Amino acid sequence: MPYPVHRDDEFVGRRDFRERLPEILEAARKKKSLVFITDRGKPDAVLMPVEEYEAFIELLEDLRDPELISMVKRSRREIEKGEVMELSELKDYLGL
């Protein structure tokens, strides 16, 4: 399974993680990046800054909202049918 890796994400072996824990924690906080902790070269756990975790949980909660999912599906159907509005039309409609 491929992992979405970003430029600042890091892969660290378990032994290296234990030896460098304070340094790795500080770097993850400052860079707001993920640290994949590996066991024999395979990702085993992920360390992430609290802000990233909270945003992730909020996104998961949104994705579990049936009303939101219904709105997204309806919007996609409207887009597929060409039922869209130009930005200028929207501004006029909203009186902007």
C-alpha atoms as a PDB file:
ATOM      1  CA  MET A   1       0.000   0.000   0.000  1.00  0.00           C
ATOM      2  CA  PRO A   2       1.576   3.319  -1.014  1.00  0.00           C
ATOM      3  CA  TYR A   3       1.739   6.035   1.604  1.00  0.00           C
ATOM      4  CA  PRO A   4       1.094   9.681   0.751  1.00  0.00           C
ATOM      5  CA  VAL A   5       4.479  11.174   1.478  1.00  0.00           C
ATOM      6  CA  HIS A   6       5.120  14.889   1.543  1.00  0.00           C
ATOM      7  CA  ARG A   7       8.436  16.634   1.159  1.00  0.00           C
ATOM      8  CA  ASP A   8       9.002  17.034   4.905  1.00  0.00           C
ATOM      9  CA  ASP A   9       7.770  13.601   6.004  1.00  0.00           C
ATOM     10  CA  GLU A  10      10.395  11.297   7.436  1.00  0.00           C
ATOM     11  CA  PHE A  11      10.841   7.537   7.759  1.00  0.00           C
ATOM     12  CA  VAL A  12      12.713   6.405  10.876  1.00  0.00           C
ATOM     13  CA  GLY A  13      13.555   2.896  12.053  1.00  0.00           C
ATOM     14  CA  ARG A  14      12.445   1.860  15.546  1.00  0.00           C
ATOM     15  CA  ARG A  15      15.960   1.823  16.985  1.00  0.00           C
ATOM     16  CA  ASP A  16      16.818   5.202  15.465  1.00  0.00           C
ATOM     17  CA  PHE A  17      13.486   6.565  16.716  1.00  0.00           C
ATOM     18  CA  ARG A  18      14.260   5.525  20.305  1.00  0.00           C
ATOM     19  CA  GLU A  19      17.751   7.020  20.146  1.00  0.00           C
ATOM     20  CA  ARG A  20      16.651  10.323  18.592  1.00  0.00           C
ATOM     21  CA  LEU A  21      13.194  10.757  20.165  1.00  0.00           C
ATOM     22  CA  PRO A  22      13.597  14.345  21.487  1.00  0.00           C
ATOM     23  CA  GLU A  23      15.122  15.533  18.194  1.00  0.00           C
ATOM     24  CA  ILE A  24      12.458  13.797  16.088  1.00  0.00           C
ATOM     25  CA  LEU A  25       9.607  15.183  18.211  1.00  0.00           C
ATOM     26  CA  GLU A  26      10.950  18.724  17.946  1.00  0.00           C
ATOM     27  CA  ALA A  27      11.465  18.454  14.181  1.00  0.00           C
ATOM     28  CA  ALA A  28       7.946  17.067  13.666  1.00  0.00           C
ATOM     29  CA  ARG A  29       6.464  19.928  15.706  1.00  0.00           C
ATOM     30  CA  LYS A  30       8.413  22.645  13.908  1.00  0.00           C
ATOM     31  CA  LYS A  31       7.914  21.308  10.378  1.00  0.00           C
ATOM     32  CA  LYS A  32       4.359  20.081  11.016  1.00  0.00           C
ATOM     33  CA  SER A  33       5.358  16.893   9.237  1.00  0.00           C
ATOM     34  CA  LEU A  34       4.634  13.217   9.745  1.00  0.00           C
ATOM     35  CA  VAL A  35       7.195  10.728  10.994  1.00  0.00           C
ATOM     36  CA  PHE A  36       6.662   7.145   9.840  1.00  0.00           C
ATOM     37  CA  ILE A  37       8.221   4.729  12.322  1.00  0.00           C
ATOM     38  CA  THR A  38       9.331   1.603  10.499  1.00  0.00           C
ATOM     39  CA  ASP A  39       9.956  -1.982  11.520  1.00  0.00           C
ATOM     40  CA  ARG A  40      12.283  -3.798   9.118  1.00  0.00           C
ATOM     41  CA  GLY A  41      11.672  -1.125   6.508  1.00  0.00           C
ATOM     42  CA  LYS A  42       7.858  -1.267   6.648  1.00  0.00           C
ATOM     43  CA  PRO A  43       5.818   1.582   8.176  1.00  0.00           C
ATOM     44  CA  ASP A  44       4.502   0.440  11.550  1.00  0.00           C
ATOM     45  CA  ALA A  45       3.277   3.655  13.210  1.00  0.00           C
ATOM     46  CA  VAL A  46       2.939   7.365  12.476  1.00  0.00           C
ATOM     47  CA  LEU A  47       3.860  10.303  14.681  1.00  0.00           C
ATOM     48  CA  MET A  48       2.090  13.556  13.874  1.00  0.00           C
ATOM     49  CA  PRO A  49       1.741  17.001  15.445  1.00  0.00           C
ATOM     50  CA  VAL A  50      -1.411  17.443  17.536  1.00  0.00           C
ATOM     51  CA  GLU A  51      -2.762  20.150  15.189  1.00  0.00           C
ATOM     52  CA  GLU A  52      -2.522  17.731  12.247  1.00  0.00           C
ATOM     53  CA  TYR A  53      -4.232  15.002  14.271  1.00  0.00           C
ATOM     54  CA  GLU A  54      -7.089  17.315  15.276  1.00  0.00           C
ATOM     55  CA  ALA A  55      -7.578  18.423  11.659  1.00  0.00           C
ATOM     56  CA  PHE A  56      -7.561  14.777  10.558  1.00  0.00           C
ATOM     57  CA  ILE A  57     -10.205  13.818  13.138  1.00  0.00           C
ATOM     58  CA  GLU A  58     -12.366  16.789  12.121  1.00  0.00           C
ATOM     59  CA  LEU A  59     -12.144  15.716   8.485  1.00  0.00           C
ATOM     60  CA  LEU A  60     -13.122  12.147   9.395  1.00  0.00           C
ATOM     61  CA  GLU A  61     -16.129  13.438  11.319  1.00  0.00           C
ATOM     62  CA  ASP A  62     -17.170  15.521   8.304  1.00  0.00           C
ATOM     63  CA  LEU A  63     -16.823  12.491   6.029  1.00  0.00           C
ATOM     64  CA  ARG A  64     -19.159  10.536   8.314  1.00  0.00           C
ATOM     65  CA  ASP A  65     -21.869  13.224   8.134  1.00  0.00           C
ATOM     66  CA  PRO A  66     -24.657  11.763   5.942  1.00  0.00           C
ATOM     67  CA  GLU A  67     -26.105  15.207   5.190  1.00  0.00           C
ATOM     68  CA  LEU A  68     -22.749  16.510   3.962  1.00  0.00           C
ATOM     69  CA  ILE A  69     -22.172  13.390   1.844  1.00  0.00           C
ATOM     70  CA  SER A  70     -25.627  13.818   0.315  1.00  0.00           C
ATOM     71  CA  MET A  71     -24.896  17.470  -0.526  1.00  0.00           C
ATOM     72  CA  VAL A  72     -21.581  16.550  -2.177  1.00  0.00           C
ATOM     73  CA  LYS A  73     -23.218  13.798  -4.257  1.00  0.00           C
ATOM     74  CA  ARG A  74     -26.003  16.153  -5.334  1.00  0.00           C
ATOM     75  CA  SER A  75     -23.467  18.831  -6.268  1.00  0.00           C
ATOM     76  CA  ARG A  76     -21.452  16.359  -8.341  1.00  0.00           C
ATOM     77  CA  ARG A  77     -24.588  15.299 -10.238  1.00  0.00           C
ATOM     78  CA  GLU A  78     -25.424  18.960 -10.922  1.00  0.00           C
ATOM     79  CA  ILE A  79     -21.899  19.589 -12.213  1.00  0.00           C
ATOM     80  CA  GLU A  80     -22.069  16.510 -14.464  1.00  0.00           C
ATOM     81  CA  LYS A  81     -25.356  17.814 -15.908  1.00  0.00           C
ATOM     82  CA  GLY A  82     -23.816  21.226 -16.503  1.00  0.00           C
ATOM     83  CA  GLU A  83     -26.017  22.868 -13.896  1.00  0.00           C
ATOM     84  CA  VAL A  84     -23.365  25.369 -12.909  1.00  0.00           C
ATOM     85  CA  MET A  85     -23.204  29.138 -12.573  1.00  0.00           C
ATOM     86  CA  GLU A  86     -20.502  31.520 -13.767  1.00  0.00           C
ATOM     87  CA  LEU A  87     -18.815  33.549 -11.040  1.00  0.00           C
ATOM     88  CA  SER A  88     -20.277  36.787 -12.419  1.00  0.00           C
ATOM     89  CA  GLU A  89     -23.772  35.252 -12.322  1.00  0.00           C
ATOM     90  CA  LEU A  90     -23.223  34.145  -8.744  1.00  0.00           C
ATOM     91  CA  LYS A  91     -22.087  37.629  -7.740  1.00  0.00           C
ATOM     92  CA  ASP A  92     -25.203  39.130  -9.344  1.00  0.00           C
ATOM     93  CA  TYR A  93     -27.387  36.524  -7.646  1.00  0.00           C
ATOM     94  CA  LEU A  94     -25.834  37.319  -4.268  1.00  0.00           C
ATOM     95  CA  GLY A  95     -25.913  41.069  -4.914  1.00  0.00           C
ATOM     96  CA  LEU A  96     -22.154  41.499  -4.670  1.00  0.00           C
END
